[in-house]
Amino acid sequence: MPTPHTPASALAELLDERGPLSLDELARACCMAPGWVSERATAGLLQGDQAGSSWHFSSTTVVRARRLARLESTFDADPQLAGLTADLIEEVNALRQRLRQLEAQLGLGG
């Protein structure tokens, strides 16, 4: 049975084949300035690896960065509040995916 994918997870899987992104590439992918990405990475809202003065991000970070940017702009949210909201959205998505898997294993899908 195929695993259901959300558009966000499909984008992350597509980008996964590409390899790590630089700070500038992540900024372009989420239509934000490099300084915006750097600030959120330094604050721990975006997970990345810092080597000297350069950052590298996994492709799955694009989805989270876009979500943070949308929350901040749509609701004029503080970056920390946008990060907390993104955490909750990601947790709900993970729980929904787990529920679908359990329902499929039990033959309860519908």
N, C-alpha and C. Protein backbone atom coordinates (compact mmCIF):
# COMPACT_ATOMS: atom_id res chain seq x y z
N MET A 1 0.86 -1.18 0.00
CA MET A 1 0.00 0.00 0.00
C MET A 1 0.89 1.23 0.00
N PRO A 2 0.65 2.18 -0.90
CA PRO A 2 1.48 3.38 -0.92
C PRO A 2 1.30 4.21 0.34
N THR A 3 2.36 4.81 0.77
CA THR A 3 2.32 5.68 1.93
C THR A 3 1.78 7.03 1.53
N PRO A 4 0.77 7.54 2.23
CA PRO A 4 0.26 8.85 1.88
C PRO A 4 1.31 9.93 2.14
N HIS A 5 1.40 10.89 1.24
CA HIS A 5 2.36 11.97 1.37
C HIS A 5 1.64 13.30 1.40
N THR A 6 2.09 14.16 2.24
CA THR A 6 1.62 15.52 2.21
C THR A 6 2.47 16.26 1.19
N PRO A 7 1.99 17.38 0.66
CA PRO A 7 2.82 18.14 -0.28
C PRO A 7 4.16 18.53 0.34
N ALA A 8 4.18 18.83 1.63
CA ALA A 8 5.43 19.23 2.29
C ALA A 8 6.42 18.08 2.31
N SER A 9 5.96 16.88 2.64
CA SER A 9 6.88 15.74 2.68
C SER A 9 7.33 15.36 1.28
N ALA A 10 6.47 15.52 0.29
CA ALA A 10 6.86 15.23 -1.09
C ALA A 10 7.94 16.19 -1.54
N LEU A 11 7.82 17.47 -1.18
CA LEU A 11 8.85 18.46 -1.53
C LEU A 11 10.16 18.10 -0.84
N ALA A 12 10.10 17.71 0.42
CA ALA A 12 11.31 17.36 1.15
C ALA A 12 11.99 16.14 0.52
N GLU A 13 11.19 15.14 0.12
CA GLU A 13 11.77 13.96 -0.52
C GLU A 13 12.41 14.32 -1.85
N LEU A 14 11.76 15.19 -2.62
CA LEU A 14 12.31 15.62 -3.90
C LEU A 14 13.64 16.33 -3.70
N LEU A 15 13.69 17.21 -2.71
CA LEU A 15 14.90 17.98 -2.45
C LEU A 15 15.99 17.13 -1.81
N ASP A 16 15.61 16.04 -1.14
CA ASP A 16 16.59 15.18 -0.47
C ASP A 16 17.64 14.64 -1.43
N GLU A 17 17.25 14.43 -2.65
CA GLU A 17 18.16 13.89 -3.64
C GLU A 17 19.26 14.88 -4.00
N ARG A 18 19.05 16.13 -3.68
CA ARG A 18 19.96 17.19 -4.07
C ARG A 18 21.15 17.32 -3.13
N GLY A 19 21.00 17.01 -1.86
CA GLY A 19 22.08 17.16 -0.90
C GLY A 19 21.91 18.42 -0.08
N PRO A 20 22.89 18.73 0.79
CA PRO A 20 22.75 19.88 1.67
C PRO A 20 22.67 21.20 0.91
N LEU A 21 21.97 22.14 1.53
CA LEU A 21 21.80 23.48 0.95
C LEU A 21 22.67 24.47 1.71
N SER A 22 23.21 25.44 1.00
CA SER A 22 23.92 26.54 1.65
C SER A 22 22.89 27.52 2.21
N LEU A 23 23.35 28.45 3.00
CA LEU A 23 22.46 29.47 3.56
C LEU A 23 21.78 30.26 2.45
N ASP A 24 22.54 30.66 1.42
CA ASP A 24 21.96 31.42 0.31
C ASP A 24 20.93 30.60 -0.46
N GLU A 25 21.21 29.31 -0.67
CA GLU A 25 20.25 28.45 -1.38
C GLU A 25 18.96 28.29 -0.58
N LEU A 26 19.09 28.12 0.73
CA LEU A 26 17.89 28.01 1.56
C LEU A 26 17.10 29.31 1.54
N ALA A 27 17.81 30.44 1.61
CA ALA A 27 17.14 31.74 1.56
C ALA A 27 16.36 31.89 0.26
N ARG A 28 16.95 31.51 -0.85
CA ARG A 28 16.25 31.60 -2.15
C ARG A 28 15.06 30.65 -2.18
N ALA A 29 15.22 29.45 -1.62
CA ALA A 29 14.14 28.45 -1.64
C ALA A 29 12.91 28.90 -0.85
N CYS A 30 13.13 29.74 0.16
CA CYS A 30 11.98 30.20 0.95
C CYS A 30 11.70 31.68 0.72
N CYS A 31 12.31 32.26 -0.30
CA CYS A 31 12.06 33.66 -0.71
C CYS A 31 12.30 34.65 0.43
N MET A 32 13.34 34.41 1.20
CA MET A 32 13.69 35.31 2.30
C MET A 32 15.15 35.72 2.13
N ALA A 33 15.57 36.74 2.86
CA ALA A 33 16.94 37.23 2.81
C ALA A 33 17.87 36.27 3.57
N PRO A 34 19.13 36.18 3.16
CA PRO A 34 20.07 35.32 3.89
C PRO A 34 20.15 35.69 5.38
N GLY A 35 20.03 36.97 5.71
CA GLY A 35 20.06 37.39 7.11
C GLY A 35 18.90 36.81 7.91
N TRP A 36 17.75 36.70 7.27
CA TRP A 36 16.58 36.11 7.93
C TRP A 36 16.87 34.66 8.29
N VAL A 37 17.44 33.91 7.35
CA VAL A 37 17.78 32.49 7.60
C VAL A 37 18.84 32.39 8.70
N SER A 38 19.86 33.23 8.61
CA SER A 38 20.94 33.18 9.60
C SER A 38 20.41 33.45 11.01
N GLU A 39 19.53 34.43 11.14
CA GLU A 39 18.96 34.76 12.45
C GLU A 39 18.17 33.59 13.03
N ARG A 40 17.38 32.92 12.18
CA ARG A 40 16.58 31.80 12.68
C ARG A 40 17.45 30.58 12.98
N ALA A 41 18.52 30.39 12.22
CA ALA A 41 19.43 29.28 12.50
C ALA A 41 20.18 29.53 13.81
N THR A 42 20.64 30.74 14.01
CA THR A 42 21.35 31.09 15.24
C THR A 42 20.44 30.95 16.46
N ALA A 43 19.16 31.27 16.28
CA ALA A 43 18.19 31.17 17.38
C ALA A 43 17.71 29.74 17.60
N GLY A 44 18.11 28.80 16.74
CA GLY A 44 17.71 27.41 16.89
C GLY A 44 16.35 27.09 16.30
N LEU A 45 15.79 28.01 15.53
CA LEU A 45 14.48 27.77 14.92
C LEU A 45 14.60 26.97 13.64
N LEU A 46 15.76 27.01 13.01
CA LEU A 46 16.08 26.20 11.83
C LEU A 46 17.31 25.37 12.18
N GLN A 47 17.26 24.09 11.90
CA GLN A 47 18.38 23.20 12.21
C GLN A 47 19.36 23.17 11.05
N GLY A 48 20.60 23.46 11.33
CA GLY A 48 21.63 23.42 10.31
C GLY A 48 22.98 23.15 10.94
N ASP A 49 23.95 22.86 10.11
CA ASP A 49 25.31 22.63 10.58
C ASP A 49 26.15 23.85 10.23
N GLN A 50 26.83 24.39 11.23
CA GLN A 50 27.66 25.56 10.99
C GLN A 50 29.12 25.12 11.02
N ALA A 51 29.83 25.42 9.93
CA ALA A 51 31.27 25.15 9.84
C ALA A 51 31.95 26.49 9.56
N GLY A 52 32.56 27.04 10.60
CA GLY A 52 33.16 28.37 10.46
C GLY A 52 32.07 29.40 10.27
N SER A 53 32.14 30.12 9.18
CA SER A 53 31.13 31.15 8.92
C SER A 53 30.04 30.68 7.97
N SER A 54 30.09 29.43 7.53
CA SER A 54 29.07 28.96 6.59
C SER A 54 28.12 27.95 7.24
N TRP A 55 26.90 27.97 6.76
CA TRP A 55 25.85 27.08 7.24
C TRP A 55 25.49 26.09 6.15
N HIS A 56 25.09 24.89 6.54
CA HIS A 56 24.56 23.89 5.61
C HIS A 56 23.29 23.32 6.23
N PHE A 57 22.29 23.16 5.37
CA PHE A 57 20.97 22.72 5.84
C PHE A 57 20.52 21.51 5.03
N SER A 58 19.79 20.61 5.67
CA SER A 58 19.19 19.50 4.94
C SER A 58 18.02 20.05 4.13
N SER A 59 17.66 19.32 3.12
CA SER A 59 16.57 19.78 2.25
C SER A 59 15.24 19.85 3.00
N THR A 60 15.08 19.06 4.04
CA THR A 60 13.82 19.12 4.79
C THR A 60 13.66 20.46 5.51
N THR A 61 14.75 21.18 5.68
CA THR A 61 14.68 22.49 6.33
C THR A 61 13.92 23.49 5.47
N VAL A 62 13.87 23.27 4.15
CA VAL A 62 13.14 24.18 3.26
C VAL A 62 11.67 24.24 3.68
N VAL A 63 11.09 23.11 3.97
CA VAL A 63 9.67 23.07 4.36
C VAL A 63 9.46 23.87 5.63
N ARG A 64 10.32 23.66 6.62
CA ARG A 64 10.17 24.39 7.90
C ARG A 64 10.43 25.89 7.71
N ALA A 65 11.43 26.24 6.92
CA ALA A 65 11.73 27.65 6.69
C ALA A 65 10.56 28.35 6.00
N ARG A 66 9.98 27.68 5.02
CA ARG A 66 8.81 28.28 4.34
C ARG A 66 7.65 28.44 5.31
N ARG A 67 7.47 27.46 6.19
CA ARG A 67 6.38 27.52 7.16
C ARG A 67 6.61 28.69 8.13
N LEU A 68 7.85 28.84 8.62
CA LEU A 68 8.16 29.95 9.52
C LEU A 68 7.91 31.29 8.84
N ALA A 69 8.37 31.41 7.60
CA ALA A 69 8.20 32.67 6.87
C ALA A 69 6.72 33.00 6.68
N ARG A 70 5.92 31.97 6.35
CA ARG A 70 4.49 32.19 6.13
C ARG A 70 3.79 32.57 7.44
N LEU A 71 4.15 31.91 8.54
CA LEU A 71 3.54 32.24 9.83
C LEU A 71 3.89 33.65 10.26
N GLU A 72 5.15 34.02 10.08
CA GLU A 72 5.58 35.36 10.48
C GLU A 72 4.89 36.43 9.65
N SER A 73 4.78 36.21 8.34
CA SER A 73 4.19 37.25 7.49
C SER A 73 2.67 37.28 7.59
N THR A 74 2.03 36.12 7.63
CA THR A 74 0.57 36.08 7.66
C THR A 74 0.01 36.60 8.97
N PHE A 75 0.63 36.21 10.07
CA PHE A 75 0.09 36.57 11.39
C PHE A 75 0.94 37.60 12.11
N ASP A 76 1.92 38.16 11.40
CA ASP A 76 2.83 39.14 12.00
C ASP A 76 3.39 38.56 13.31
N ALA A 77 3.76 37.27 13.23
CA ALA A 77 4.19 36.54 14.42
C ALA A 77 5.65 36.81 14.74
N ASP A 78 5.93 36.84 16.02
CA ASP A 78 7.30 36.86 16.52
C ASP A 78 7.99 35.57 16.05
N PRO A 79 9.28 35.61 15.72
CA PRO A 79 9.95 34.38 15.25
C PRO A 79 9.85 33.21 16.23
N GLN A 80 9.94 33.48 17.53
CA GLN A 80 9.83 32.39 18.51
C GLN A 80 8.43 31.78 18.51
N LEU A 81 7.41 32.62 18.40
CA LEU A 81 6.03 32.13 18.34
C LEU A 81 5.81 31.34 17.05
N ALA A 82 6.35 31.82 15.94
CA ALA A 82 6.25 31.08 14.68
C ALA A 82 6.95 29.72 14.81
N GLY A 83 8.09 29.68 15.50
CA GLY A 83 8.80 28.43 15.70
C GLY A 83 8.00 27.45 16.54
N LEU A 84 7.38 27.94 17.60
CA LEU A 84 6.54 27.08 18.44
C LEU A 84 5.35 26.55 17.64
N THR A 85 4.73 27.41 16.86
CA THR A 85 3.59 26.98 16.04
C THR A 85 4.04 25.95 15.01
N ALA A 86 5.20 26.17 14.40
CA ALA A 86 5.72 25.20 13.42
C ALA A 86 5.99 23.86 14.10
N ASP A 87 6.53 23.89 15.33
CA ASP A 87 6.76 22.65 16.08
C ASP A 87 5.45 21.89 16.26
N LEU A 88 4.40 22.60 16.65
CA LEU A 88 3.10 21.96 16.88
C LEU A 88 2.52 21.40 15.58
N ILE A 89 2.64 22.14 14.48
CA ILE A 89 2.14 21.65 13.19
C ILE A 89 2.89 20.38 12.78
N GLU A 90 4.20 20.38 12.97
CA GLU A 90 5.00 19.20 12.61
C GLU A 90 4.63 18.00 13.48
N GLU A 91 4.36 18.25 14.76
CA GLU A 91 3.97 17.15 15.66
C GLU A 91 2.61 16.58 15.27
N VAL A 92 1.67 17.46 14.95
CA VAL A 92 0.34 16.99 14.51
C VAL A 92 0.47 16.19 13.21
N ASN A 93 1.28 16.67 12.26
CA ASN A 93 1.48 15.93 11.01
C ASN A 93 2.09 14.55 11.26
N ALA A 94 3.08 14.48 12.16
CA ALA A 94 3.71 13.19 12.48
C ALA A 94 2.70 12.25 13.13
N LEU A 95 1.87 12.77 14.02
CA LEU A 95 0.87 11.94 14.68
C LEU A 95 -0.20 11.46 13.70
N ARG A 96 -0.60 12.34 12.77
CA ARG A 96 -1.58 11.93 11.75
C ARG A 96 -1.01 10.83 10.86
N GLN A 97 0.26 10.97 10.48
CA GLN A 97 0.89 9.95 9.65
C GLN A 97 0.96 8.62 10.40
N ARG A 98 1.32 8.69 11.67
CA ARG A 98 1.39 7.48 12.50
C ARG A 98 0.02 6.84 12.64
N LEU A 99 -1.03 7.64 12.81
CA LEU A 99 -2.39 7.12 12.91
C LEU A 99 -2.80 6.43 11.61
N ARG A 100 -2.48 7.03 10.46
CA ARG A 100 -2.80 6.40 9.17
C ARG A 100 -2.10 5.06 9.03
N GLN A 101 -0.83 5.01 9.45
CA GLN A 101 -0.09 3.75 9.38
C GLN A 101 -0.71 2.68 10.27
N LEU A 102 -1.10 3.06 11.46
CA LEU A 102 -1.72 2.10 12.38
C LEU A 102 -3.08 1.64 11.86
N GLU A 103 -3.86 2.57 11.31
CA GLU A 103 -5.16 2.19 10.73
C GLU A 103 -4.98 1.24 9.56
N ALA A 104 -3.95 1.49 8.74
CA ALA A 104 -3.69 0.61 7.60
C ALA A 104 -3.29 -0.78 8.09
N GLN A 105 -2.46 -0.85 9.13
CA GLN A 105 -2.04 -2.14 9.67
C GLN A 105 -3.22 -2.92 10.25
N LEU A 106 -4.18 -2.20 10.80
CA LEU A 106 -5.34 -2.84 11.41
C LEU A 106 -6.50 -3.02 10.41
N GLY A 107 -6.30 -2.54 9.18
CA GLY A 107 -7.35 -2.66 8.17
C GLY A 107 -8.54 -1.76 8.43
N LEU A 108 -8.28 -0.63 9.07
CA LEU A 108 -9.35 0.31 9.40
C LEU A 108 -9.43 1.49 8.45
N GLY A 109 -8.59 1.51 7.41
CA GLY A 109 -8.58 2.65 6.48
C GLY A 109 -9.91 2.81 5.79
N GLY A 110 -10.20 4.00 5.47
CA GLY A 110 -11.49 4.17 4.83
C GLY A 110 -11.56 5.38 4.09
